[in-house]
Amino acid sequence: MRKSRYIAKEVLSLFAILVIAPCFAAAQGSEQSDKEVKQMIQTQFERMYEKGIQNLSDRIVLTGGVKPFAVVSDTGDNVKAIRIRQAEEMPPEIALEVLRRSLIALVKKGKIGATAIFYTADNPNKKSNADKVLVVEMEHIFGPTLAQLVPFTIKNGKASYGEQVVVDMEKQIFNIKVDEESAE
């Protein structure tokens, strides 16, 4: 959470990148354009992460975890949290699958360009002092996909977070053809 507070960068509009980046790449060379696109993606990931942390910080302390929810960047570069009310009553693994399918349906409709899914799970590292891990799966329509794992422990009503680990992951949301009809 401390890391997310220092994030104070201006964000390029996703629409501008989608329209201008291909033209700019042709005019300026793809190396400079690639750097700008990577920076734009990084900025969007940071904004979604910060919004997600704001949405879960109180819940994680009260309940020791959070049900899956998402933060998305829409095609207008607006960042918003998405919670499925019914998912709060479902087992976490079912809620996660329902959330992923809902996000896929939004992608097929052309509504979102980047996603960050937040949920908690048992810590797979048995040698760690932390029992739980906060998982943040981030995907972007331009290709980058990663998962951030943050071990945490709740003591005396406060959450303490361990060192984060970032790993590559397979696409789960943007692995479909956007022009396919939504089956949802």
C-alpha atoms as a PDB file:
ATOM      1  CA  MET A   1       0.000   0.000   0.000  1.00  0.00           C
ATOM      2  CA  ARG A   2       2.889   2.373   0.751  1.00  0.00           C
ATOM      3  CA  LYS A   3       4.251   1.795  -2.714  1.00  0.00           C
ATOM      4  CA  SER A   4       0.958   2.744  -4.323  1.00  0.00           C
ATOM      5  CA  ARG A   5       0.821   6.138  -2.568  1.00  0.00           C
ATOM      6  CA  TYR A   6       3.791   7.634  -4.367  1.00  0.00           C
ATOM      7  CA  ILE A   7       2.260   7.013  -7.770  1.00  0.00           C
ATOM      8  CA  ALA A   8       1.426  10.444  -9.158  1.00  0.00           C
ATOM      9  CA  LYS A   9       2.006  10.402 -12.915  1.00  0.00           C
ATOM     10  CA  GLU A  10      -0.100  11.780 -15.722  1.00  0.00           C
ATOM     11  CA  VAL A  11      -1.658   9.082 -17.878  1.00  0.00           C
ATOM     12  CA  LEU A  12      -1.830   9.012 -21.647  1.00  0.00           C
ATOM     13  CA  SER A  13      -5.314   8.438 -22.942  1.00  0.00           C
ATOM     14  CA  LEU A  14      -5.849   4.876 -24.154  1.00  0.00           C
ATOM     15  CA  PHE A  15      -7.849   6.234 -27.053  1.00  0.00           C
ATOM     16  CA  ALA A  16      -4.976   8.492 -28.079  1.00  0.00           C
ATOM     17  CA  ILE A  17      -2.541   5.595 -27.893  1.00  0.00           C
ATOM     18  CA  LEU A  18      -4.799   3.344 -29.949  1.00  0.00           C
ATOM     19  CA  VAL A  19      -5.211   6.007 -32.629  1.00  0.00           C
ATOM     20  CA  ILE A  20      -1.895   7.875 -32.531  1.00  0.00           C
ATOM     21  CA  ALA A  21       0.636   5.173 -31.582  1.00  0.00           C
ATOM     22  CA  PRO A  22       0.516   3.281 -34.897  1.00  0.00           C
ATOM     23  CA  CYS A  23       0.933   6.516 -36.869  1.00  0.00           C
ATOM     24  CA  PHE A  24       3.614   7.763 -34.498  1.00  0.00           C
ATOM     25  CA  ALA A  25       5.494   4.479 -34.772  1.00  0.00           C
ATOM     26  CA  ALA A  26       5.622   4.775 -38.542  1.00  0.00           C
ATOM     27  CA  ALA A  27       6.834   8.375 -38.330  1.00  0.00           C
ATOM     28  CA  GLN A  28       9.306   8.073 -35.428  1.00  0.00           C
ATOM     29  CA  GLY A  29      10.440   4.486 -35.558  1.00  0.00           C
ATOM     30  CA  SER A  30       9.114   1.601 -33.558  1.00  0.00           C
ATOM     31  CA  GLU A  31      11.766   1.742 -30.800  1.00  0.00           C
ATOM     32  CA  GLN A  32      10.567   5.082 -29.418  1.00  0.00           C
ATOM     33  CA  SER A  33       6.929   4.093 -29.860  1.00  0.00           C
ATOM     34  CA  ASP A  34       7.513   0.803 -28.034  1.00  0.00           C
ATOM     35  CA  LYS A  35       8.959   2.721 -25.072  1.00  0.00           C
ATOM     36  CA  GLU A  36       5.952   5.030 -24.976  1.00  0.00           C
ATOM     37  CA  VAL A  37       3.470   2.155 -25.209  1.00  0.00           C
ATOM     38  CA  LYS A  38       5.312   0.260 -22.456  1.00  0.00           C
ATOM     39  CA  GLN A  39       5.246   3.380 -20.277  1.00  0.00           C
ATOM     40  CA  MET A  40       1.528   3.847 -20.945  1.00  0.00           C
ATOM     41  CA  ILE A  41       0.847   0.211 -20.022  1.00  0.00           C
ATOM     42  CA  GLN A  42       2.951   0.516 -16.858  1.00  0.00           C
ATOM     43  CA  THR A  43       1.073   3.673 -15.881  1.00  0.00           C
ATOM     44  CA  GLN A  44      -2.299   1.991 -16.410  1.00  0.00           C
ATOM     45  CA  PHE A  45      -1.212  -1.029 -14.367  1.00  0.00           C
ATOM     46  CA  GLU A  46      -0.077   1.291 -11.543  1.00  0.00           C
ATOM     47  CA  ARG A  47      -3.359   3.228 -11.577  1.00  0.00           C
ATOM     48  CA  MET A  48      -5.434   0.031 -11.503  1.00  0.00           C
ATOM     49  CA  TYR A  49      -3.269  -1.370  -8.701  1.00  0.00           C
ATOM     50  CA  GLU A  50      -3.670   1.763  -6.593  1.00  0.00           C
ATOM     51  CA  LYS A  51      -7.447   1.801  -7.108  1.00  0.00           C
ATOM     52  CA  GLY A  52      -7.626  -1.887  -6.138  1.00  0.00           C
ATOM     53  CA  ILE A  53      -5.543  -1.384  -2.998  1.00  0.00           C
ATOM     54  CA  GLN A  54      -7.852   1.469  -1.963  1.00  0.00           C
ATOM     55  CA  ASN A  55     -10.819  -0.877  -2.457  1.00  0.00           C
ATOM     56  CA  LEU A  56      -9.425  -3.728  -0.393  1.00  0.00           C
ATOM     57  CA  SER A  57      -7.349  -2.191   2.398  1.00  0.00           C
ATOM     58  CA  ASP A  58     -10.192  -2.045   4.950  1.00  0.00           C
ATOM     59  CA  ARG A  59     -11.775  -5.354   3.896  1.00  0.00           C
ATOM     60  CA  ILE A  60      -8.559  -7.333   4.107  1.00  0.00           C
ATOM     61  CA  VAL A  61      -8.079  -6.352   7.767  1.00  0.00           C
ATOM     62  CA  LEU A  62     -11.696  -6.981   8.757  1.00  0.00           C
ATOM     63  CA  THR A  63     -12.127 -10.351   7.074  1.00  0.00           C
ATOM     64  CA  GLY A  64      -8.561 -11.597   6.560  1.00  0.00           C
ATOM     65  CA  GLY A  65      -9.049 -11.616   2.794  1.00  0.00           C
ATOM     66  CA  VAL A  66     -11.185 -10.325  -0.047  1.00  0.00           C
ATOM     67  CA  LYS A  67     -13.547 -11.919  -2.509  1.00  0.00           C
ATOM     68  CA  PRO A  68     -12.393 -11.535  -6.106  1.00  0.00           C
ATOM     69  CA  PHE A  69     -13.018  -8.154  -7.713  1.00  0.00           C
ATOM     70  CA  ALA A  70     -11.520  -6.312 -10.665  1.00  0.00           C
ATOM     71  CA  VAL A  71     -10.281  -2.899 -11.541  1.00  0.00           C
ATOM     72  CA  VAL A  72     -10.381  -2.092 -15.236  1.00  0.00           C
ATOM     73  CA  SER A  73      -9.237   0.638 -17.554  1.00  0.00           C
ATOM     74  CA  ASP A  74     -11.947   1.232 -20.105  1.00  0.00           C
ATOM     75  CA  THR A  75     -11.436   2.432 -23.658  1.00  0.00           C
ATOM     76  CA  GLY A  76     -11.738   6.033 -22.454  1.00  0.00           C
ATOM     77  CA  ASP A  77      -8.836   5.447 -20.018  1.00  0.00           C
ATOM     78  CA  ASN A  78     -11.123   5.634 -16.998  1.00  0.00           C
ATOM     79  CA  VAL A  79     -10.216   3.344 -14.124  1.00  0.00           C
ATOM     80  CA  LYS A  80     -13.055   1.777 -12.171  1.00  0.00           C
ATOM     81  CA  ALA A  81     -13.631  -1.074  -9.757  1.00  0.00           C
ATOM     82  CA  ILE A  82     -15.958  -3.912 -10.722  1.00  0.00           C
ATOM     83  CA  ARG A  83     -17.568  -6.044  -8.052  1.00  0.00           C
ATOM     84  CA  ILE A  84     -20.190  -8.681  -8.687  1.00  0.00           C
ATOM     85  CA  ARG A  85     -22.627  -8.529  -5.809  1.00  0.00           C
ATOM     86  CA  GLN A  86     -23.623 -12.190  -6.106  1.00  0.00           C
ATOM     87  CA  ALA A  87     -19.947 -13.191  -5.967  1.00  0.00           C
ATOM     88  CA  GLU A  88     -19.795 -12.144  -2.323  1.00  0.00           C
ATOM     89  CA  GLU A  89     -21.976 -15.172  -1.515  1.00  0.00           C
ATOM     90  CA  MET A  90     -20.077 -17.653  -3.715  1.00  0.00           C
ATOM     91  CA  PRO A  91     -17.047 -19.748  -2.817  1.00  0.00           C
ATOM     92  CA  PRO A  92     -13.919 -17.765  -3.853  1.00  0.00           C
ATOM     93  CA  GLU A  93     -12.914 -20.057  -6.727  1.00  0.00           C
ATOM     94  CA  ILE A  94     -16.396 -19.856  -8.289  1.00  0.00           C
ATOM     95  CA  ALA A  95     -16.530 -16.088  -7.756  1.00  0.00           C
ATOM     96  CA  LEU A  96     -13.154 -15.783  -9.521  1.00  0.00           C
ATOM     97  CA  GLU A  97     -14.404 -17.756 -12.530  1.00  0.00           C
ATOM     98  CA  VAL A  98     -17.625 -15.701 -12.735  1.00  0.00           C
ATOM     99  CA  LEU A  99     -15.569 -12.491 -12.595  1.00  0.00           C
ATOM    100  CA  ARG A 100     -13.212 -13.669 -15.350  1.00  0.00           C
ATOM    101  CA  ARG A 101     -16.122 -14.623 -17.612  1.00  0.00           C
ATOM    102  CA  SER A 102     -17.764 -11.253 -16.997  1.00  0.00           C
ATOM    103  CA  LEU A 103     -14.548  -9.443 -17.928  1.00  0.00           C
ATOM    104  CA  ILE A 104     -14.210 -11.548 -21.097  1.00  0.00           C
ATOM    105  CA  ALA A 105     -17.745 -10.511 -22.066  1.00  0.00           C
ATOM    106  CA  LEU A 106     -16.776  -6.832 -21.572  1.00  0.00           C
ATOM    107  CA  VAL A 107     -13.639  -7.322 -23.687  1.00  0.00           C
ATOM    108  CA  LYS A 108     -15.698  -8.900 -26.477  1.00  0.00           C
ATOM    109  CA  LYS A 109     -17.950  -5.845 -26.423  1.00  0.00           C
ATOM    110  CA  GLY A 110     -14.906  -3.572 -26.721  1.00  0.00           C
ATOM    111  CA  LYS A 111     -15.517  -1.965 -23.330  1.00  0.00           C
ATOM    112  CA  ILE A 112     -12.147  -2.477 -21.600  1.00  0.00           C
ATOM    113  CA  GLY A 113      -8.466  -2.376 -22.525  1.00  0.00           C
ATOM    114  CA  ALA A 114      -6.774  -3.508 -19.307  1.00  0.00           C
ATOM    115  CA  THR A 115      -7.760  -5.548 -16.257  1.00  0.00           C
ATOM    116  CA  ALA A 116      -6.466  -6.182 -12.760  1.00  0.00           C
ATOM    117  CA  ILE A 117      -8.143  -8.957 -10.768  1.00  0.00           C
ATOM    118  CA  PHE A 118      -7.624  -8.895  -6.993  1.00  0.00           C
ATOM    119  CA  TYR A 119      -8.188 -11.837  -4.663  1.00  0.00           C
ATOM    120  CA  THR A 120      -6.604 -13.548  -1.699  1.00  0.00           C
ATOM    121  CA  ALA A 121      -5.459 -17.142  -1.465  1.00  0.00           C
ATOM    122  CA  ASP A 122      -3.538 -19.416   0.835  1.00  0.00           C
ATOM    123  CA  ASN A 123       0.188 -18.753   0.580  1.00  0.00           C
ATOM    124  CA  PRO A 124       1.724 -21.500  -1.590  1.00  0.00           C
ATOM    125  CA  ASN A 125       5.139 -20.884   0.033  1.00  0.00           C
ATOM    126  CA  LYS A 126       5.020 -23.084   3.132  1.00  0.00           C
ATOM    127  CA  LYS A 127       8.355 -21.655   4.366  1.00  0.00           C
ATOM    128  CA  SER A 128       6.884 -18.162   4.608  1.00  0.00           C
ATOM    129  CA  ASN A 129       5.614 -16.627   7.832  1.00  0.00           C
ATOM    130  CA  ALA A 130       2.554 -15.283   5.986  1.00  0.00           C
ATOM    131  CA  ASP A 131      -0.480 -17.571   5.756  1.00  0.00           C
ATOM    132  CA  LYS A 132      -2.188 -15.632   2.959  1.00  0.00           C
ATOM    133  CA  VAL A 133      -1.190 -13.949  -0.259  1.00  0.00           C
ATOM    134  CA  LEU A 134      -2.824 -11.098  -2.154  1.00  0.00           C
ATOM    135  CA  VAL A 135      -2.898 -11.988  -5.846  1.00  0.00           C
ATOM    136  CA  VAL A 136      -3.212  -9.299  -8.501  1.00  0.00           C
ATOM    137  CA  GLU A 137      -3.502 -10.608 -12.070  1.00  0.00           C
ATOM    138  CA  MET A 138      -2.957  -7.822 -14.621  1.00  0.00           C
ATOM    139  CA  GLU A 139      -3.569  -8.037 -18.337  1.00  0.00           C
ATOM    140  CA  HIS A 140      -3.470  -5.487 -21.146  1.00  0.00           C
ATOM    141  CA  ILE A 141      -4.988  -5.582 -24.587  1.00  0.00           C
ATOM    142  CA  PHE A 142      -1.529  -4.787 -26.049  1.00  0.00           C
ATOM    143  CA  GLY A 143      -0.179  -8.047 -24.643  1.00  0.00           C
ATOM    144  CA  PRO A 144       1.588  -7.615 -21.282  1.00  0.00           C
ATOM    145  CA  THR A 145       0.328 -10.049 -18.663  1.00  0.00           C
ATOM    146  CA  LEU A 146       1.639 -10.525 -15.139  1.00  0.00           C
ATOM    147  CA  ALA A 147       0.674 -11.639 -11.672  1.00  0.00           C
ATOM    148  CA  GLN A 148       1.818  -9.918  -8.527  1.00  0.00           C
ATOM    149  CA  LEU A 149       1.845 -11.955  -5.321  1.00  0.00           C
ATOM    150  CA  VAL A 150       2.068 -10.139  -1.995  1.00  0.00           C
ATOM    151  CA  PRO A 151       2.216 -12.238   1.183  1.00  0.00           C
ATOM    152  CA  PHE A 152       0.422 -10.693   4.146  1.00  0.00           C
ATOM    153  CA  THR A 153      -0.394 -11.282   7.772  1.00  0.00           C
ATOM    154  CA  ILE A 154      -3.111  -9.727   9.923  1.00  0.00           C
ATOM    155  CA  LYS A 155      -2.022  -8.999  13.503  1.00  0.00           C
ATOM    156  CA  ASN A 156      -3.735  -6.790  16.058  1.00  0.00           C
ATOM    157  CA  GLY A 157      -6.139  -5.412  13.460  1.00  0.00           C
ATOM    158  CA  LYS A 158      -3.396  -4.329  11.041  1.00  0.00           C
ATOM    159  CA  ALA A 159      -2.164  -5.873   7.834  1.00  0.00           C
ATOM    160  CA  SER A 160       1.554  -6.226   7.261  1.00  0.00           C
ATOM    161  CA  TYR A 161       2.729  -7.040   3.771  1.00  0.00           C
ATOM    162  CA  GLY A 162       5.807  -8.991   2.728  1.00  0.00           C
ATOM    163  CA  GLU A 163       8.000  -8.604  -0.308  1.00  0.00           C
ATOM    164  CA  GLN A 164       6.057  -8.779  -3.555  1.00  0.00           C
ATOM    165  CA  VAL A 165       6.892 -11.234  -6.295  1.00  0.00           C
ATOM    166  CA  VAL A 166       5.987 -10.516  -9.913  1.00  0.00           C
ATOM    167  CA  VAL A 167       5.680 -13.406 -12.354  1.00  0.00           C
ATOM    168  CA  ASP A 168       4.531 -13.872 -15.923  1.00  0.00           C
ATOM    169  CA  MET A 169       1.240 -15.647 -16.404  1.00  0.00           C
ATOM    170  CA  GLU A 170      -0.855 -16.925 -19.252  1.00  0.00           C
ATOM    171  CA  LYS A 171      -3.545 -14.676 -20.647  1.00  0.00           C
ATOM    172  CA  GLN A 172      -6.950 -15.380 -19.183  1.00  0.00           C
ATOM    173  CA  ILE A 173      -9.004 -12.353 -20.205  1.00  0.00           C
ATOM    174  CA  PHE A 174      -7.460 -11.160 -23.490  1.00  0.00           C
ATOM    175  CA  ASN A 175      -6.930 -14.632 -24.960  1.00  0.00           C
ATOM    176  CA  ILE A 176     -10.067 -14.410 -27.043  1.00  0.00           C
ATOM    177  CA  LYS A 177     -10.798 -12.849 -30.400  1.00  0.00           C
ATOM    178  CA  VAL A 178     -12.536  -9.574 -29.675  1.00  0.00           C
ATOM    179  CA  ASP A 179     -14.702  -9.842 -32.797  1.00  0.00           C
ATOM    180  CA  GLU A 180     -16.237 -13.166 -31.688  1.00  0.00           C
ATOM    181  CA  GLU A 181     -19.805 -13.071 -30.489  1.00  0.00           C
ATOM    182  CA  SER A 182     -20.084 -13.066 -26.726  1.00  0.00           C
ATOM    183  CA  ALA A 183     -21.365 -16.366 -25.406  1.00  0.00           C
ATOM    184  CA  GLU A 184     -22.076 -14.820 -22.021  1.00  0.00           C
END
